[in-house]
């Protein structure tokens, strides 16, 4: 094979990163048809089930069988070498293109700096993932849980969740998502919040919420940043179901709410520093009793 085409060159070819001149030169070479056939077959590799050691073993077995024959084709050794090379490329691509993933624990906040110096603060028990590849041209992240974003200006910046997505150019905003809940608060600039059913443009001080089986809600806030950054979670007309999830995310507890109406709405806040005070702040005004079954399990009941 032509030594001018290195492993790095073939990797760039597989990634479609060659210049037009390089591409034309390679397609005119004797090696091109071999690599083209191998690449086409390699599309059958399915990461992460791709087993490089098994591929290598198969190639060795085929080479051993080939040596037992009197007539040896020049083309087959080239195919085996190319196959091994392509296999390694695909394995390398898989690991190099794994998304960056950040996970915050119970009661933990996690600060993240993105490749463009945008900043993200993950609230407790949340997950953020994104790909570094071509980040400046494709600033897209996936969020589970809650996070506060300070976005540097540039190309579109998109936060995707299972309940909806937010698109901005450069701003500060908070996204909270749980199953059946999607909430966005804009603290600076302008954002677009989208769900399957609706979309809304938010500017500084605007908040948007869409819950399952409910109409979209909009309201205004005066805060300059989320209160949870400073150790207090705040709600406005939030169903108790989601307040309970927030308590469980902040403290290492499980709350049994089968005996109360979790659709009742709560407006207020709870502290991150003291579980007893947090429980009293939320449930006493709503006339809900709290019983500790053990250190981590709590039963709610009507008073």
Protein backbone atom coordinates (compact mmCIF):
# COMPACT_ATOMS: atom_id res chain seq x y z
CA UNK A 1 0.00 0.00 0.00
CA UNK A 2 1.06 3.56 -0.65
CA UNK A 3 2.88 4.79 2.47
CA UNK A 4 1.85 8.39 1.74
CA UNK A 5 -1.56 7.53 3.15
CA UNK A 6 -0.97 7.21 6.90
CA UNK A 7 -3.37 6.01 9.60
CA UNK A 8 -4.17 9.63 10.39
CA UNK A 9 -4.99 10.25 6.72
CA UNK A 10 -7.36 7.26 6.65
CA UNK A 11 -8.96 8.44 9.88
CA UNK A 12 -9.61 11.85 8.32
CA UNK A 13 -11.07 10.14 5.25
CA UNK A 14 -13.47 8.11 7.40
CA UNK A 15 -14.51 11.30 9.21
CA UNK A 16 -15.10 13.08 5.88
CA UNK A 17 -12.51 15.72 6.81
CA UNK A 18 -10.31 15.57 3.67
CA UNK A 19 -9.95 18.57 1.41
CA UNK A 20 -11.34 18.22 -2.11
CA UNK A 21 -7.78 17.92 -3.45
CA UNK A 22 -6.84 15.17 -0.97
CA UNK A 23 -10.08 13.34 -1.65
CA UNK A 24 -9.57 13.39 -5.44
CA UNK A 25 -5.96 12.22 -5.10
CA UNK A 26 -6.94 9.35 -2.78
CA UNK A 27 -9.84 8.21 -4.99
CA UNK A 28 -7.41 7.97 -7.92
CA UNK A 29 -4.98 5.77 -5.98
CA UNK A 30 -4.67 1.97 -6.15
CA UNK A 31 -5.58 1.65 -2.46
CA UNK A 32 -8.92 3.43 -2.68
CA UNK A 33 -11.11 0.54 -3.84
CA UNK A 34 -9.75 -1.70 -1.08
CA UNK A 35 -10.45 0.82 1.66
CA UNK A 36 -13.83 1.70 0.16
CA UNK A 37 -14.97 -1.93 0.35
CA UNK A 38 -13.67 -2.34 3.88
CA UNK A 39 -15.35 0.90 5.01
CA UNK A 40 -18.67 -0.21 3.52
CA UNK A 41 -18.46 -3.51 5.40
CA UNK A 42 -17.42 -1.70 8.57
CA UNK A 43 -20.78 0.09 8.74
CA UNK A 44 -22.04 -3.22 10.10
CA UNK A 45 -19.99 -2.66 13.26
CA UNK A 46 -22.32 -1.61 16.06
CA UNK A 47 -20.60 0.22 18.97
CA UNK A 48 -20.35 -0.47 21.82
CA UNK A 49 -20.71 -4.17 20.94
CA UNK A 50 -17.76 -3.85 18.54
CA UNK A 51 -15.09 -6.35 19.70
CA UNK A 52 -11.65 -5.46 18.32
CA UNK A 53 -10.02 -8.54 19.86
CA UNK A 54 -12.52 -10.81 18.13
CA UNK A 55 -11.94 -9.05 14.80
CA UNK A 56 -8.19 -9.45 15.21
CA UNK A 57 -8.58 -13.15 16.09
CA UNK A 58 -10.76 -13.70 13.01
CA UNK A 59 -8.12 -12.03 10.82
CA UNK A 60 -5.38 -14.22 12.32
CA UNK A 61 -7.42 -17.35 11.64
CA UNK A 62 -7.97 -16.32 8.05
CA UNK A 63 -4.26 -15.62 7.58
CA UNK A 64 -3.40 -19.04 9.04
CA UNK A 65 -5.80 -20.74 6.66
CA UNK A 66 -4.37 -18.74 3.77
CA UNK A 67 -0.85 -19.99 4.57
CA UNK A 68 -2.02 -23.60 4.14
CA UNK A 69 -2.82 -22.94 0.50
CA UNK A 70 -0.21 -23.23 -2.27
CA UNK A 71 -1.46 -20.22 -4.12
CA UNK A 72 -1.57 -16.93 -2.27
CA UNK A 73 -3.37 -13.93 -3.65
CA UNK A 74 -1.74 -10.56 -3.16
CA UNK A 75 -5.12 -8.91 -2.80
CA UNK A 76 -6.21 -10.88 0.29
CA UNK A 77 -3.28 -9.87 2.53
CA UNK A 78 -3.99 -6.27 1.60
CA UNK A 79 -7.62 -6.77 2.52
CA UNK A 80 -6.67 -8.27 5.89
CA UNK A 81 -4.30 -5.42 6.69
CA UNK A 82 -6.86 -2.85 5.61
CA UNK A 83 -9.57 -4.59 7.65
CA UNK A 84 -7.43 -4.52 10.77
CA UNK A 85 -6.64 -0.86 10.17
CA UNK A 86 -10.28 0.07 9.62
CA UNK A 87 -11.33 -1.94 12.68
CA UNK A 88 -8.87 -0.01 14.82
CA UNK A 89 -10.06 3.28 13.31
CA UNK A 90 -13.68 2.53 14.19
CA UNK A 91 -12.72 1.51 17.70
CA UNK A 92 -10.69 4.69 18.08
CA UNK A 93 -13.54 6.84 16.71
CA UNK A 94 -15.98 5.30 19.15
CA UNK A 95 -13.86 6.10 22.19
CA UNK A 96 -12.77 9.55 20.97
CA UNK A 97 -16.37 10.53 20.22
CA UNK A 98 -17.89 9.39 23.49
CA UNK A 99 -19.86 12.34 24.91
CA UNK A 100 -18.57 14.34 27.84
CA UNK A 101 -20.81 13.44 30.79
CA UNK A 102 -21.15 15.20 34.15
CA UNK A 103 -23.24 13.89 37.04
CA UNK A 104 -23.99 15.63 40.33
CA UNK A 105 -24.78 13.61 43.45
CA UNK A 106 -27.52 13.97 46.04
CA UNK A 107 -27.22 17.39 47.67
CA UNK A 108 -24.31 18.33 45.40
CA UNK A 109 -23.84 21.25 42.99
CA UNK A 110 -21.36 20.77 40.15
CA UNK A 111 -19.69 23.63 38.22
CA UNK A 112 -18.76 22.91 34.58
CA UNK A 113 -16.87 25.03 32.06
CA UNK A 114 -17.71 24.21 28.43
CA UNK A 115 -15.20 24.38 25.52
CA UNK A 116 -16.35 27.94 24.59
CA UNK A 117 -16.05 29.08 28.24
CA UNK A 118 -19.81 28.99 28.74
CA UNK A 119 -20.60 28.02 32.33
CA UNK A 120 -23.04 25.48 33.72
CA UNK A 121 -23.97 24.85 37.34
CA UNK A 122 -25.71 21.50 37.82
CA UNK A 123 -28.18 21.25 40.66
CA UNK A 124 -28.28 18.08 42.77
CA UNK A 125 -28.92 14.65 41.21
CA UNK A 126 -28.65 15.96 37.63
CA UNK A 127 -26.82 14.86 34.47
CA UNK A 128 -25.37 16.90 31.60
CA UNK A 129 -23.76 15.47 28.46
CA UNK A 130 -22.41 16.91 25.21
CA UNK A 131 -19.93 16.21 22.41
CA UNK A 132 -16.70 18.21 22.16
CA UNK A 133 -16.40 17.48 18.42
CA UNK A 134 -17.17 20.61 16.37
CA UNK A 135 -18.47 22.23 19.57
CA UNK A 136 -18.23 25.80 18.27
CA UNK A 137 -20.50 24.89 15.34
CA UNK A 138 -22.86 22.60 17.24
CA UNK A 139 -23.38 23.72 20.83
CA UNK A 140 -25.95 21.11 21.88
CA UNK A 141 -26.26 19.52 25.32
CA UNK A 142 -28.57 16.98 26.93
CA UNK A 143 -29.87 17.66 30.43
CA UNK A 144 -31.62 15.51 33.00
CA UNK A 145 -32.54 17.36 36.17
CA UNK A 146 -31.81 21.05 36.70
CA UNK A 147 -29.03 23.42 35.66
CA UNK A 148 -28.20 27.12 35.43
CA UNK A 149 -26.45 28.30 32.26
CA UNK A 150 -24.28 31.36 31.49
CA UNK A 151 -23.77 31.15 27.74
CA UNK A 152 -21.02 32.88 25.74
CA UNK A 153 -22.14 34.45 22.47
CA UNK A 154 -21.64 32.37 19.33
CA UNK A 155 -23.65 29.85 17.32
CA UNK A 156 -26.98 28.55 18.57
CA UNK A 157 -26.76 27.00 22.03
CA UNK A 158 -29.36 24.29 22.61
CA UNK A 159 -30.28 22.43 25.78
CA UNK A 160 -32.31 19.31 25.02
CA UNK A 161 -34.38 17.41 27.57
CA UNK A 162 -37.00 14.67 27.30
CA UNK A 163 -39.72 17.24 28.02
CA UNK A 164 -38.58 20.11 25.78
CA UNK A 165 -35.62 22.18 24.65
CA UNK A 166 -34.18 25.68 25.02
CA UNK A 167 -32.34 27.57 22.27
CA UNK A 168 -30.27 30.74 22.84
CA UNK A 169 -27.38 32.73 21.38
CA UNK A 170 -25.85 34.12 24.56
CA UNK A 171 -27.66 34.58 27.86
CA UNK A 172 -28.28 33.33 31.40
CA UNK A 173 -31.14 30.96 32.18
CA UNK A 174 -32.27 28.06 34.35
CA UNK A 175 -33.79 24.80 33.11
CA UNK A 176 -35.64 22.37 35.36
CA UNK A 177 -36.90 19.09 33.94
CA UNK A 178 -38.56 16.02 35.42
CA UNK A 179 -40.95 13.51 33.88
CA UNK A 180 -43.99 15.57 32.92
CA UNK A 181 -42.35 18.90 33.87
CA UNK A 182 -40.39 21.46 31.83
CA UNK A 183 -39.57 24.86 33.35
CA UNK A 184 -37.36 27.66 32.05
CA UNK A 185 -36.47 30.98 33.70
CA UNK A 186 -34.57 33.65 31.74
CA UNK A 187 -32.29 35.88 33.82
CA UNK A 188 -30.60 37.73 30.97
CA UNK A 189 -30.94 38.03 27.18
CA UNK A 190 -33.54 36.04 25.25
CA UNK A 191 -34.33 32.33 24.99
CA UNK A 192 -36.81 30.15 23.12
CA UNK A 193 -38.45 27.38 25.14
CA UNK A 194 -40.06 24.58 23.11
CA UNK A 195 -42.14 21.51 23.88
CA UNK A 196 -44.06 19.23 21.54
CA UNK A 197 -47.24 21.25 22.09
CA UNK A 198 -45.96 24.83 22.28
CA UNK A 199 -43.09 27.29 22.22
CA UNK A 200 -42.47 30.58 23.98
CA UNK A 201 -39.95 33.43 23.68
CA UNK A 202 -38.63 34.59 27.05
CA UNK A 203 -36.69 37.72 27.92
CA UNK A 204 -35.08 38.85 31.19
CA UNK A 205 -37.37 38.17 34.13
CA UNK A 206 -39.74 35.82 32.25
CA UNK A 207 -40.51 32.28 33.39
CA UNK A 208 -42.23 29.47 31.48
CA UNK A 209 -43.58 26.11 32.59
CA UNK A 210 -45.31 23.24 30.83
CA UNK A 211 -46.62 20.27 32.79
CA UNK A 212 -48.30 17.16 31.45
CA UNK A 213 -52.05 17.58 30.96
CA UNK A 214 -51.85 21.29 31.85
CA UNK A 215 -51.81 24.50 29.84
CA UNK A 216 -48.48 26.37 29.55
CA UNK A 217 -47.81 28.91 32.32
CA UNK A 218 -45.87 32.18 32.19
CA UNK A 219 -44.95 34.55 35.01
CA UNK A 220 -42.32 37.11 35.96
CA UNK A 221 -39.44 36.85 38.44
CA UNK A 222 -37.34 39.56 40.08
CA UNK A 223 -34.43 37.36 41.17
CA UNK A 224 -31.13 37.76 39.29
CA UNK A 225 -30.23 34.06 39.54
CA UNK A 226 -31.75 30.80 40.85
CA UNK A 227 -32.13 30.68 44.63
CA UNK A 228 -30.81 27.09 44.72
CA UNK A 229 -27.33 28.44 43.95
CA UNK A 230 -27.32 29.89 47.47
CA UNK A 231 -28.80 26.90 49.28
CA UNK A 232 -32.56 27.36 48.97
CA UNK A 233 -35.01 25.85 46.47
CA UNK A 234 -38.00 28.03 45.57
CA UNK A 235 -41.33 27.13 43.98
CA UNK A 236 -44.27 29.02 42.56
CA UNK A 237 -47.57 27.09 42.42
CA UNK A 238 -45.69 23.80 41.99
CA UNK A 239 -47.51 20.47 42.48
CA UNK A 240 -46.28 18.67 45.62
CA UNK A 241 -45.16 15.76 43.44
CA UNK A 242 -42.24 17.84 42.14
CA UNK A 243 -41.50 19.47 45.51
CA UNK A 244 -41.09 15.98 46.96
CA UNK A 245 -38.72 15.01 44.11
CA UNK A 246 -36.67 18.14 44.83
CA UNK A 247 -36.46 17.20 48.53
CA UNK A 248 -35.32 13.68 47.65
CA UNK A 249 -32.72 15.09 45.24
CA UNK A 250 -31.36 17.42 47.90
CA UNK A 251 -31.37 15.06 50.87
CA UNK A 252 -30.64 11.34 50.91
CA UNK A 253 -34.23 10.32 51.69
CA UNK A 254 -37.24 8.53 50.21
CA UNK A 255 -40.69 10.04 50.78
CA UNK A 256 -43.84 7.89 50.65
CA UNK A 257 -46.66 10.20 49.54
CA UNK A 258 -49.35 7.61 48.74
CA UNK A 259 -51.65 8.96 51.51
CA UNK A 260 -51.73 12.59 50.35
CA UNK A 261 -52.81 14.54 47.28
CA UNK A 262 -49.59 15.24 45.39
CA UNK A 263 -51.46 17.49 42.94
CA UNK A 264 -51.88 20.18 45.61
CA UNK A 265 -49.72 23.17 44.77
CA UNK A 266 -47.02 24.69 46.92
CA UNK A 267 -45.57 28.20 46.80
CA UNK A 268 -42.53 28.81 48.96
CA UNK A 269 -39.04 27.44 49.53
CA UNK A 270 -36.99 25.01 51.57
CA UNK A 271 -33.43 25.15 52.87
CA UNK A 272 -30.64 22.80 51.76
CA UNK A 273 -28.94 22.90 55.16
CA UNK A 274 -31.40 21.25 57.55
CA UNK A 275 -33.79 18.41 56.63
CA UNK A 276 -36.11 18.88 59.62
CA UNK A 277 -36.58 22.58 58.87
CA UNK A 278 -37.06 21.86 55.17
CA UNK A 279 -39.81 19.31 55.87
CA UNK A 280 -41.58 21.63 58.31
CA UNK A 281 -41.41 24.56 55.89
CA UNK A 282 -43.09 22.58 53.11
CA UNK A 283 -45.58 20.32 54.89
CA UNK A 284 -46.74 22.14 58.06
CA UNK A 285 -48.51 24.97 56.13
CA UNK A 286 -50.22 22.32 53.99
CA UNK A 287 -51.39 20.38 57.09
CA UNK A 288 -49.46 17.26 56.16
CA UNK A 289 -47.90 15.09 58.83
CA UNK A 290 -44.37 13.69 58.58
CA UNK A 291 -43.32 10.39 60.15
CA UNK A 292 -39.77 9.01 59.96
CA UNK A 293 -39.89 5.22 59.44
CA UNK A 294 -36.10 5.22 59.72
CA UNK A 295 -33.25 7.62 58.97
CA UNK A 296 -33.89 7.72 55.21
CA UNK A 297 -37.57 6.76 54.80
CA UNK A 298 -40.41 9.19 55.47
CA UNK A 299 -44.16 8.65 55.40
CA UNK A 300 -46.52 11.56 54.71
CA UNK A 301 -50.09 11.57 56.03
CA UNK A 302 -53.01 13.96 56.47
CA UNK A 303 -53.18 15.72 59.82
